[in-house]
Amino acid sequence: MANSALTEAVYYILLSLTEPLHGYGIMQNVSQLSNGRVNLAAGTLYGAINTLLEKNWINALPGESDSRKKEYLITETGKQMLRSELARLNELIENGKRILDAQ
């Protein structure tokens, strides 16, 4: 589990869910975090949300009975995955710098 790379969409979704957000809020936050480079379609987002729920990387928060908006929040397992991915990405960057700077 710790050695698997996250897709960019999943990485940004998990980052977004360090605070409770509903689907549309996640889409907006991912776009903002990536400076508009990553834009999630609803189908992509909700497919990823279902997978993340199954893996216990996020939880659905109990909502108000009259609201259709469901909010989600990252779990400790999800945070561990983010930390693992950040370490993997840092390794990629450091190796790239080391090799390219030596040329």
PDB file of N, CA and C in Angstrom:
ATOM      1  N   MET A   1       0.823  -1.195   0.000  1.00  0.00           N
ATOM      2  CA  MET A   1       0.000   0.000   0.000  1.00  0.00           C
ATOM      3  C   MET A   1       0.865   1.257   0.000  1.00  0.00           C
ATOM      4  N   ALA A   2       1.923   1.299   0.810  1.00  0.00           N
ATOM      5  CA  ALA A   2       2.745   2.492   0.918  1.00  0.00           C
ATOM      6  C   ALA A   2       3.560   2.750  -0.336  1.00  0.00           C
ATOM      7  N   ASN A   3       3.794   1.741  -1.164  1.00  0.00           N
ATOM      8  CA  ASN A   3       4.625   1.912  -2.338  1.00  0.00           C
ATOM      9  C   ASN A   3       3.834   2.225  -3.595  1.00  0.00           C
ATOM     10  N   SER A   4       2.519   2.274  -3.522  1.00  0.00           N
ATOM     11  CA  SER A   4       1.739   2.536  -4.720  1.00  0.00           C
ATOM     12  C   SER A   4       1.584   4.042  -4.924  1.00  0.00           C
ATOM     13  N   ALA A   5       1.755   4.467  -6.175  1.00  0.00           N
ATOM     14  CA  ALA A   5       1.626   5.880  -6.508  1.00  0.00           C
ATOM     15  C   ALA A   5       0.155   6.261  -6.597  1.00  0.00           C
ATOM     16  N   LEU A   6      -0.158   7.441  -6.127  1.00  0.00           N
ATOM     17  CA  LEU A   6      -1.515   7.965  -6.254  1.00  0.00           C
ATOM     18  C   LEU A   6      -1.641   8.683  -7.584  1.00  0.00           C
ATOM     19  N   THR A   7      -2.822   8.631  -8.167  1.00  0.00           N
ATOM     20  CA  THR A   7      -3.052   9.467  -9.336  1.00  0.00           C
ATOM     21  C   THR A   7      -3.087  10.914  -8.864  1.00  0.00           C
ATOM     22  N   GLU A   8      -2.869  11.813  -9.795  1.00  0.00           N
ATOM     23  CA  GLU A   8      -2.893  13.228  -9.453  1.00  0.00           C
ATOM     24  C   GLU A   8      -4.263  13.641  -8.923  1.00  0.00           C
ATOM     25  N   ALA A   9      -5.315  13.116  -9.526  1.00  0.00           N
ATOM     26  CA  ALA A   9      -6.671  13.446  -9.073  1.00  0.00           C
ATOM     27  C   ALA A   9      -6.892  12.988  -7.636  1.00  0.00           C
ATOM     28  N   VAL A  10      -6.505  11.761  -7.327  1.00  0.00           N
ATOM     29  CA  VAL A  10      -6.688  11.234  -5.972  1.00  0.00           C
ATOM     30  C   VAL A  10      -5.845  12.030  -4.976  1.00  0.00           C
ATOM     31  N   TYR A  11      -4.624  12.364  -5.355  1.00  0.00           N
ATOM     32  CA  TYR A  11      -3.751  13.157  -4.491  1.00  0.00           C
ATOM     33  C   TYR A  11      -4.435  14.481  -4.131  1.00  0.00           C
ATOM     34  N   TYR A  12      -4.957  15.176  -5.132  1.00  0.00           N
ATOM     35  CA  TYR A  12      -5.603  16.459  -4.873  1.00  0.00           C
ATOM     36  C   TYR A  12      -6.928  16.308  -4.126  1.00  0.00           C
ATOM     37  N   ILE A  13      -7.657  15.246  -4.379  1.00  0.00           N
ATOM     38  CA  ILE A  13      -8.898  15.002  -3.634  1.00  0.00           C
ATOM     39  C   ILE A  13      -8.572  14.803  -2.157  1.00  0.00           C
ATOM     40  N   LEU A  14      -7.577  13.971  -1.863  1.00  0.00           N
ATOM     41  CA  LEU A  14      -7.192  13.741  -0.465  1.00  0.00           C
ATOM     42  C   LEU A  14      -6.712  15.029   0.194  1.00  0.00           C
ATOM     43  N   LEU A  15      -5.905  15.808  -0.520  1.00  0.00           N
ATOM     44  CA  LEU A  15      -5.462  17.096   0.032  1.00  0.00           C
ATOM     45  C   LEU A  15      -6.658  17.998   0.335  1.00  0.00           C
ATOM     46  N   SER A  16      -7.623  17.992  -0.555  1.00  0.00           N
ATOM     47  CA  SER A  16      -8.808  18.832  -0.370  1.00  0.00           C
ATOM     48  C   SER A  16      -9.605  18.426   0.858  1.00  0.00           C
ATOM     49  N   LEU A  17      -9.586  17.139   1.166  1.00  0.00           N
ATOM     50  CA  LEU A  17     -10.426  16.638   2.254  1.00  0.00           C
ATOM     51  C   LEU A  17      -9.752  16.660   3.619  1.00  0.00           C
ATOM     52  N   THR A  18      -8.706  17.476   3.761  1.00  0.00           N
ATOM     53  CA  THR A  18      -8.168  17.710   5.095  1.00  0.00           C
ATOM     54  C   THR A  18      -9.116  18.621   5.879  1.00  0.00           C
ATOM     55  N   GLU A  19     -10.130  19.125   5.189  1.00  0.00           N
ATOM     56  CA  GLU A  19     -11.249  19.819   5.824  1.00  0.00           C
ATOM     57  C   GLU A  19     -12.522  19.286   5.172  1.00  0.00           C
ATOM     58  N   PRO A  20     -13.631  19.273   5.890  1.00  0.00           N
ATOM     59  CA  PRO A  20     -14.864  18.708   5.319  1.00  0.00           C
ATOM     60  C   PRO A  20     -15.319  19.491   4.084  1.00  0.00           C
ATOM     61  N   LEU A  21     -15.593  18.760   3.005  1.00  0.00           N
ATOM     62  CA  LEU A  21     -16.088  19.369   1.777  1.00  0.00           C
ATOM     63  C   LEU A  21     -17.086  18.448   1.104  1.00  0.00           C
ATOM     64  N   HIS A  22     -17.998  19.025   0.363  1.00  0.00           N
ATOM     65  CA  HIS A  22     -18.916  18.264  -0.472  1.00  0.00           C
ATOM     66  C   HIS A  22     -18.318  18.192  -1.879  1.00  0.00           C
ATOM     67  N   GLY A  23     -18.948  17.429  -2.743  1.00  0.00           N
ATOM     68  CA  GLY A  23     -18.405  17.168  -4.071  1.00  0.00           C
ATOM     69  C   GLY A  23     -18.031  18.404  -4.862  1.00  0.00           C
ATOM     70  N   TYR A  24     -18.941  19.360  -4.954  1.00  0.00           N
ATOM     71  CA  TYR A  24     -18.657  20.565  -5.728  1.00  0.00           C
ATOM     72  C   TYR A  24     -17.503  21.349  -5.107  1.00  0.00           C
ATOM     73  N   GLY A  25     -17.457  21.387  -3.784  1.00  0.00           N
ATOM     74  CA  GLY A  25     -16.360  22.062  -3.095  1.00  0.00           C
ATOM     75  C   GLY A  25     -15.023  21.400  -3.386  1.00  0.00           C
ATOM     76  N   ILE A  26     -15.023  20.065  -3.470  1.00  0.00           N
ATOM     77  CA  ILE A  26     -13.805  19.329  -3.812  1.00  0.00           C
ATOM     78  C   ILE A  26     -13.361  19.716  -5.216  1.00  0.00           C
ATOM     79  N   MET A  27     -14.301  19.735  -6.160  1.00  0.00           N
ATOM     80  CA  MET A  27     -13.967  20.097  -7.540  1.00  0.00           C
ATOM     81  C   MET A  27     -13.353  21.490  -7.611  1.00  0.00           C
ATOM     82  N   GLN A  28     -13.922  22.428  -6.897  1.00  0.00           N
ATOM     83  CA  GLN A  28     -13.407  23.798  -6.880  1.00  0.00           C
ATOM     84  C   GLN A  28     -12.019  23.856  -6.238  1.00  0.00           C
ATOM     85  N   ASN A  29     -11.849  23.146  -5.132  1.00  0.00           N
ATOM     86  CA  ASN A  29     -10.581  23.187  -4.417  1.00  0.00           C
ATOM     87  C   ASN A  29      -9.454  22.551  -5.229  1.00  0.00           C
ATOM     88  N   VAL A  30      -9.741  21.433  -5.889  1.00  0.00           N
ATOM     89  CA  VAL A  30      -8.736  20.775  -6.724  1.00  0.00           C
ATOM     90  C   VAL A  30      -8.294  21.714  -7.836  1.00  0.00           C
ATOM     91  N   SER A  31      -9.225  22.385  -8.452  1.00  0.00           N
ATOM     92  CA  SER A  31      -8.889  23.335  -9.507  1.00  0.00           C
ATOM     93  C   SER A  31      -8.028  24.474  -8.957  1.00  0.00           C
ATOM     94  N   GLN A  32      -8.389  24.977  -7.788  1.00  0.00           N
ATOM     95  CA  GLN A  32      -7.631  26.064  -7.168  1.00  0.00           C
ATOM     96  C   GLN A  32      -6.221  25.606  -6.781  1.00  0.00           C
ATOM     97  N   LEU A  33      -6.107  24.441  -6.138  1.00  0.00           N
ATOM     98  CA  LEU A  33      -4.792  23.940  -5.720  1.00  0.00           C
ATOM     99  C   LEU A  33      -3.852  23.727  -6.901  1.00  0.00           C
ATOM    100  N   SER A  34      -4.417  23.293  -8.023  1.00  0.00           N
ATOM    101  CA  SER A  34      -3.595  23.000  -9.203  1.00  0.00           C
ATOM    102  C   SER A  34      -3.507  24.187 -10.160  1.00  0.00           C
ATOM    103  N   ASN A  35      -3.916  25.361  -9.712  1.00  0.00           N
ATOM    104  CA  ASN A  35      -3.919  26.561 -10.549  1.00  0.00           C
ATOM    105  C   ASN A  35      -4.687  26.350 -11.850  1.00  0.00           C
ATOM    106  N   GLY A  36      -5.796  25.624 -11.772  1.00  0.00           N
ATOM    107  CA  GLY A  36      -6.659  25.395 -12.912  1.00  0.00           C
ATOM    108  C   GLY A  36      -6.201  24.304 -13.862  1.00  0.00           C
ATOM    109  N   ARG A  37      -5.105  23.647 -13.540  1.00  0.00           N
ATOM    110  CA  ARG A  37      -4.557  22.611 -14.414  1.00  0.00           C
ATOM    111  C   ARG A  37      -5.337  21.312 -14.320  1.00  0.00           C
ATOM    112  N   VAL A  38      -5.865  20.980 -13.129  1.00  0.00           N
ATOM    113  CA  VAL A  38      -6.627  19.749 -12.925  1.00  0.00           C
ATOM    114  C   VAL A  38      -8.079  20.124 -12.668  1.00  0.00           C
ATOM    115  N   ASN A  39      -8.941  19.706 -13.582  1.00  0.00           N
ATOM    116  CA  ASN A  39     -10.380  19.949 -13.446  1.00  0.00           C
ATOM    117  C   ASN A  39     -11.085  18.600 -13.470  1.00  0.00           C
ATOM    118  N   LEU A  40     -11.739  18.274 -12.382  1.00  0.00           N
ATOM    119  CA  LEU A  40     -12.402  16.980 -12.261  1.00  0.00           C
ATOM    120  C   LEU A  40     -13.829  17.037 -12.788  1.00  0.00           C
ATOM    121  N   ALA A  41     -14.171  16.091 -13.640  1.00  0.00           N
ATOM    122  CA  ALA A  41     -15.561  15.925 -14.049  1.00  0.00           C
ATOM    123  C   ALA A  41     -16.296  15.217 -12.915  1.00  0.00           C
ATOM    124  N   ALA A  42     -17.601  15.403 -12.859  1.00  0.00           N
ATOM    125  CA  ALA A  42     -18.391  14.807 -11.775  1.00  0.00           C
ATOM    126  C   ALA A  42     -18.233  13.292 -11.730  1.00  0.00           C
ATOM    127  N   GLY A  43     -18.258  12.640 -12.876  1.00  0.00           N
ATOM    128  CA  GLY A  43     -18.117  11.181 -12.910  1.00  0.00           C
ATOM    129  C   GLY A  43     -16.788  10.714 -12.363  1.00  0.00           C
ATOM    130  N   THR A  44     -15.725  11.417 -12.720  1.00  0.00           N
ATOM    131  CA  THR A  44     -14.391  11.092 -12.217  1.00  0.00           C
ATOM    132  C   THR A  44     -14.329  11.274 -10.710  1.00  0.00           C
ATOM    133  N   LEU A  45     -14.855  12.399 -10.243  1.00  0.00           N
ATOM    134  CA  LEU A  45     -14.830  12.702  -8.810  1.00  0.00           C
ATOM    135  C   LEU A  45     -15.598  11.656  -8.012  1.00  0.00           C
ATOM    136  N   TYR A  46     -16.822  11.361  -8.412  1.00  0.00           N
ATOM    137  CA  TYR A  46     -17.636  10.453  -7.602  1.00  0.00           C
ATOM    138  C   TYR A  46     -17.165   9.007  -7.717  1.00  0.00           C
ATOM    139  N   GLY A  47     -16.560   8.649  -8.838  1.00  0.00           N
ATOM    140  CA  GLY A  47     -15.923   7.337  -8.932  1.00  0.00           C
ATOM    141  C   GLY A  47     -14.764   7.234  -7.960  1.00  0.00           C
ATOM    142  N   ALA A  48     -13.946   8.290  -7.901  1.00  0.00           N
ATOM    143  CA  ALA A  48     -12.812   8.320  -6.967  1.00  0.00           C
ATOM    144  C   ALA A  48     -13.302   8.322  -5.521  1.00  0.00           C
ATOM    145  N   ILE A  49     -14.338   9.082  -5.238  1.00  0.00           N
ATOM    146  CA  ILE A  49     -14.888   9.127  -3.876  1.00  0.00           C
ATOM    147  C   ILE A  49     -15.341   7.735  -3.441  1.00  0.00           C
ATOM    148  N   ASN A  50     -16.039   7.026  -4.313  1.00  0.00           N
ATOM    149  CA  ASN A  50     -16.482   5.669  -3.960  1.00  0.00           C
ATOM    150  C   ASN A  50     -15.304   4.759  -3.666  1.00  0.00           C
ATOM    151  N   THR A  51     -14.253   4.846  -4.477  1.00  0.00           N
ATOM    152  CA  THR A  51     -13.050   4.033  -4.247  1.00  0.00           C
ATOM    153  C   THR A  51     -12.382   4.414  -2.935  1.00  0.00           C
ATOM    154  N   LEU A  52     -12.269   5.708  -2.664  1.00  0.00           N
ATOM    155  CA  LEU A  52     -11.634   6.173  -1.430  1.00  0.00           C
ATOM    156  C   LEU A  52     -12.442   5.765  -0.201  1.00  0.00           C
ATOM    157  N   LEU A  53     -13.756   5.763  -0.313  1.00  0.00           N
ATOM    158  CA  LEU A  53     -14.607   5.288   0.788  1.00  0.00           C
ATOM    159  C   LEU A  53     -14.372   3.799   1.035  1.00  0.00           C
ATOM    160  N   GLU A  54     -14.304   3.008  -0.039  1.00  0.00           N
ATOM    161  CA  GLU A  54     -14.075   1.567   0.093  1.00  0.00           C
ATOM    162  C   GLU A  54     -12.721   1.268   0.736  1.00  0.00           C
ATOM    163  N   LYS A  55     -11.716   2.074   0.424  1.00  0.00           N
ATOM    164  CA  LYS A  55     -10.370   1.872   0.976  1.00  0.00           C
ATOM    165  C   LYS A  55     -10.220   2.456   2.380  1.00  0.00           C
ATOM    166  N   ASN A  56     -11.265   3.136   2.862  1.00  0.00           N
ATOM    167  CA  ASN A  56     -11.246   3.796   4.165  1.00  0.00           C
ATOM    168  C   ASN A  56     -10.212   4.919   4.220  1.00  0.00           C
ATOM    169  N   TRP A  57      -9.996   5.575   3.098  1.00  0.00           N
ATOM    170  CA  TRP A  57      -9.094   6.727   3.064  1.00  0.00           C
ATOM    171  C   TRP A  57      -9.854   8.014   3.355  1.00  0.00           C
ATOM    172  N   ILE A  58     -11.181   7.980   3.167  1.00  0.00           N
ATOM    173  CA  ILE A  58     -12.055   9.093   3.520  1.00  0.00           C
ATOM    174  C   ILE A  58     -13.317   8.526   4.165  1.00  0.00           C
ATOM    175  N   ASN A  59     -14.026   9.384   4.880  1.00  0.00           N
ATOM    176  CA  ASN A  59     -15.327   9.033   5.462  1.00  0.00           C
ATOM    177  C   ASN A  59     -16.364  10.028   4.980  1.00  0.00           C
ATOM    178  N   ALA A  60     -17.586   9.559   4.826  1.00  0.00           N
ATOM    179  CA  ALA A  60     -18.720  10.450   4.587  1.00  0.00           C
ATOM    180  C   ALA A  60     -19.205  10.921   5.951  1.00  0.00           C
ATOM    181  N   LEU A  61     -19.365  12.211   6.090  1.00  0.00           N
ATOM    182  CA  LEU A  61     -19.837  12.758   7.360  1.00  0.00           C
ATOM    183  C   LEU A  61     -21.352  12.696   7.420  1.00  0.00           C
ATOM    184  N   PRO A  62     -21.890  12.491   8.615  1.00  0.00           N
ATOM    185  CA  PRO A  62     -23.354  12.497   8.728  1.00  0.00           C
ATOM    186  C   PRO A  62     -23.875  13.873   8.344  1.00  0.00           C
ATOM    187  N   GLY A  63     -24.860  13.887   7.483  1.00  0.00           N
ATOM    188  CA  GLY A  63     -25.395  15.154   7.000  1.00  0.00           C
ATOM    189  C   GLY A  63     -26.714  15.487   7.628  1.00  0.00           C
ATOM    190  N   GLU A  64     -27.177  16.669   7.328  1.00  0.00           N
ATOM    191  CA  GLU A  64     -28.503  17.074   7.779  1.00  0.00           C
ATOM    192  C   GLU A  64     -29.532  16.359   6.916  1.00  0.00           C
ATOM    193  N   SER A  65     -30.614  15.979   7.501  1.00  0.00           N
ATOM    194  CA  SER A  65     -31.612  15.174   6.797  1.00  0.00           C
ATOM    195  C   SER A  65     -32.228  15.909   5.603  1.00  0.00           C
ATOM    196  N   ASP A  66     -32.253  17.240   5.635  1.00  0.00           N
ATOM    197  CA  ASP A  66     -32.866  17.987   4.536  1.00  0.00           C
ATOM    198  C   ASP A  66     -31.843  18.433   3.484  1.00  0.00           C
ATOM    199  N   SER A  67     -30.584  18.004   3.621  1.00  0.00           N
ATOM    200  CA  SER A  67     -29.553  18.420   2.684  1.00  0.00           C
ATOM    201  C   SER A  67     -29.149  17.270   1.771  1.00  0.00           C
ATOM    202  N   ARG A  68     -29.000  17.562   0.470  1.00  0.00           N
ATOM    203  CA  ARG A  68     -28.540  16.555  -0.476  1.00  0.00           C
ATOM    204  C   ARG A  68     -27.026  16.528  -0.553  1.00  0.00           C
ATOM    205  N   LYS A  69     -26.379  17.565  -0.033  1.00  0.00           N
ATOM    206  CA  LYS A  69     -24.925  17.647  -0.086  1.00  0.00           C
ATOM    207  C   LYS A  69     -24.311  16.756   0.978  1.00  0.00           C
ATOM    208  N   LYS A  70     -23.487  15.813   0.547  1.00  0.00           N
ATOM    209  CA  LYS A  70     -22.790  14.944   1.478  1.00  0.00           C
ATOM    210  C   LYS A  70     -21.356  15.454   1.580  1.00  0.00           C
ATOM    211  N   GLU A  71     -20.895  15.624   2.812  1.00  0.00           N
ATOM    212  CA  GLU A  71     -19.524  16.068   3.022  1.00  0.00           C
ATOM    213  C   GLU A  71     -18.634  14.882   3.340  1.00  0.00           C
ATOM    214  N   TYR A  72     -17.367  15.012   2.983  1.00  0.00           N
ATOM    215  CA  TYR A  72     -16.381  13.961   3.174  1.00  0.00           C
ATOM    216  C   TYR A  72     -15.185  14.545   3.911  1.00  0.00           C
ATOM    217  N   LEU A  73     -14.440  13.651   4.591  1.00  0.00           N
ATOM    218  CA  LEU A  73     -13.247  14.054   5.339  1.00  0.00           C
ATOM    219  C   LEU A  73     -12.232  12.927   5.295  1.00  0.00           C
ATOM    220  N   ILE A  74     -10.968  13.284   5.175  1.00  0.00           N
ATOM    221  CA  ILE A  74      -9.888  12.297   5.117  1.00  0.00           C
ATOM    222  C   ILE A  74      -9.773  11.555   6.449  1.00  0.00           C
ATOM    223  N   THR A  75      -9.395  10.286   6.393  1.00  0.00           N
ATOM    224  CA  THR A  75      -9.155   9.480   7.597  1.00  0.00           C
ATOM    225  C   THR A  75      -7.658   9.465   7.888  1.00  0.00           C
ATOM    226  N   GLU A  76      -7.271   8.876   9.005  1.00  0.00           N
ATOM    227  CA  GLU A  76      -5.843   8.732   9.324  1.00  0.00           C
ATOM    228  C   GLU A  76      -5.139   7.882   8.262  1.00  0.00           C
ATOM    229  N   THR A  77      -5.823   6.850   7.762  1.00  0.00           N
ATOM    230  CA  THR A  77      -5.241   6.027   6.699  1.00  0.00           C
ATOM    231  C   THR A  77      -5.002   6.869   5.457  1.00  0.00           C
ATOM    232  N   GLY A  78      -5.947   7.724   5.121  1.00  0.00           N
ATOM    233  CA  GLY A  78      -5.789   8.622   3.986  1.00  0.00           C
ATOM    234  C   GLY A  78      -4.625   9.578   4.182  1.00  0.00           C
ATOM    235  N   LYS A  79      -4.467  10.093   5.400  1.00  0.00           N
ATOM    236  CA  LYS A  79      -3.335  10.984   5.692  1.00  0.00           C
ATOM    237  C   LYS A  79      -2.012  10.241   5.549  1.00  0.00           C
ATOM    238  N   GLN A  80      -1.971   8.979   5.980  1.00  0.00           N
ATOM    239  CA  GLN A  80      -0.756   8.172   5.815  1.00  0.00           C
ATOM    240  C   GLN A  80      -0.423   8.008   4.338  1.00  0.00           C
ATOM    241  N   MET A  81      -1.452   7.806   3.517  1.00  0.00           N
ATOM    242  CA  MET A  81      -1.230   7.670   2.078  1.00  0.00           C
ATOM    243  C   MET A  81      -0.697   8.968   1.481  1.00  0.00           C
ATOM    244  N   LEU A  82      -1.221  10.107   1.922  1.00  0.00           N
ATOM    245  CA  LEU A  82      -0.712  11.395   1.455  1.00  0.00           C
ATOM    246  C   LEU A  82       0.743  11.581   1.839  1.00  0.00           C
ATOM    247  N   ARG A  83       1.081  11.245   3.075  1.00  0.00           N
ATOM    248  CA  ARG A  83       2.472  11.385   3.520  1.00  0.00           C
ATOM    249  C   ARG A  83       3.402  10.479   2.717  1.00  0.00           C
ATOM    250  N   SER A  84       2.958   9.271   2.456  1.00  0.00           N
ATOM    251  CA  SER A  84       3.743   8.324   1.667  1.00  0.00           C
ATOM    252  C   SER A  84       3.940   8.852   0.245  1.00  0.00           C
ATOM    253  N   GLU A  85       2.894   9.396  -0.340  1.00  0.00           N
ATOM    254  CA  GLU A  85       2.991   9.944  -1.691  1.00  0.00           C
ATOM    255  C   GLU A  85       3.901  11.157  -1.725  1.00  0.00           C
ATOM    256  N   LEU A  86       3.826  11.996  -0.728  1.00  0.00           N
ATOM    257  CA  LEU A  86       4.694  13.167  -0.658  1.00  0.00           C
ATOM    258  C   LEU A  86       6.158  12.743  -0.565  1.00  0.00           C
ATOM    259  N   ALA A  87       6.447  11.726   0.226  1.00  0.00           N
ATOM    260  CA  ALA A  87       7.817  11.214   0.325  1.00  0.00           C
ATOM    261  C   ALA A  87       8.279  10.662  -1.023  1.00  0.00           C
ATOM    262  N   ARG A  88       7.387   9.950  -1.727  1.00  0.00           N
ATOM    263  CA  ARG A  88       7.724   9.396  -3.039  1.00  0.00           C
ATOM    264  C   ARG A  88       8.021  10.515  -4.032  1.00  0.00           C
ATOM    265  N   LEU A  89       7.171  11.537  -4.031  1.00  0.00           N
ATOM    266  CA  LEU A  89       7.373  12.663  -4.943  1.00  0.00           C
ATOM    267  C   LEU A  89       8.657  13.425  -4.626  1.00  0.00           C
ATOM    268  N   ASN A  90       8.943  13.609  -3.345  1.00  0.00           N
ATOM    269  CA  ASN A  90      10.194  14.273  -2.953  1.00  0.00           C
ATOM    270  C   ASN A  90      11.412  13.487  -3.425  1.00  0.00           C
ATOM    271  N   GLU A  91      11.331  12.158  -3.346  1.00  0.00           N
ATOM    272  CA  GLU A  91      12.432  11.326  -3.834  1.00  0.00           C
ATOM    273  C   GLU A  91      12.631  11.528  -5.338  1.00  0.00           C
ATOM    274  N   LEU A  92      11.543  11.565  -6.083  1.00  0.00           N
ATOM    275  CA  LEU A  92      11.635  11.812  -7.522  1.00  0.00           C
ATOM    276  C   LEU A  92      12.308  13.151  -7.809  1.00  0.00           C
ATOM    277  N   ILE A  93      11.895  14.173  -7.094  1.00  0.00           N
ATOM    278  CA  ILE A  93      12.456  15.511  -7.298  1.00  0.00           C
ATOM    279  C   ILE A  93      13.935  15.536  -6.954  1.00  0.00           C
ATOM    280  N   GLU A  94      14.289  14.981  -5.810  1.00  0.00           N
ATOM    281  CA  GLU A  94      15.696  14.990  -5.392  1.00  0.00           C
ATOM    282  C   GLU A  94      16.579  14.219  -6.363  1.00  0.00           C
ATOM    283  N   ASN A  95      16.107  13.072  -6.836  1.00  0.00           N
ATOM    284  CA  ASN A  95      16.899  12.305  -7.809  1.00  0.00           C
ATOM    285  C   ASN A  95      17.046  13.065  -9.120  1.00  0.00           C
ATOM    286  N   GLY A  96      15.992  13.685  -9.561  1.00  0.00           N
ATOM    287  CA  GLY A  96      16.054  14.490 -10.782  1.00  0.00           C
ATOM    288  C   GLY A  96      17.018  15.643 -10.659  1.00  0.00           C
ATOM    289  N   LYS A  97      16.936  16.369  -9.548  1.00  0.00           N
ATOM    290  CA  LYS A  97      17.850  17.487  -9.311  1.00  0.00           C
ATOM    291  C   LYS A  97      19.307  17.021  -9.272  1.00  0.00           C
ATOM    292  N   ARG A  98      19.535  15.932  -8.547  1.00  0.00           N
ATOM    293  CA  ARG A  98      20.898  15.425  -8.396  1.00  0.00           C
ATOM    294  C   ARG A  98      21.505  15.083  -9.746  1.00  0.00           C
ATOM    295  N   ILE A  99      20.738  14.429 -10.578  1.00  0.00           N
ATOM    296  CA  ILE A  99      21.272  13.986 -11.865  1.00  0.00           C
ATOM    297  C   ILE A  99      21.381  15.158 -12.841  1.00  0.00           C
ATOM    298  N   LEU A 100      20.346  15.982 -12.935  1.00  0.00           N
ATOM    299  CA  LEU A 100      20.390  17.095 -13.891  1.00  0.00           C
ATOM    300  C   LEU A 100      21.365  18.186 -13.477  1.00  0.00           C
ATOM    301  N   ASP A 101      21.495  18.429 -12.176  1.00  0.00           N
ATOM    302  CA  ASP A 101      22.439  19.441 -11.709  1.00  0.00           C
ATOM    303  C   ASP A 101      23.881  19.020 -11.924  1.00  0.00           C
ATOM    304  N   ALA A 102      24.133  17.708 -12.043  1.00  0.00           N
ATOM    305  CA  ALA A 102      25.492  17.210 -12.246  1.00  0.00           C
ATOM    306  C   ALA A 102      25.925  17.334 -13.715  1.00  0.00           C
ATOM    307  N   GLN A 103      24.994  17.681 -14.596  1.00  0.00           N
ATOM    308  CA  GLN A 103      25.340  17.759 -16.026  1.00  0.00           C
ATOM    309  C   GLN A 103      25.745  19.145 -16.432  1.00  0.00           C
TER     310      GLN A 103
END
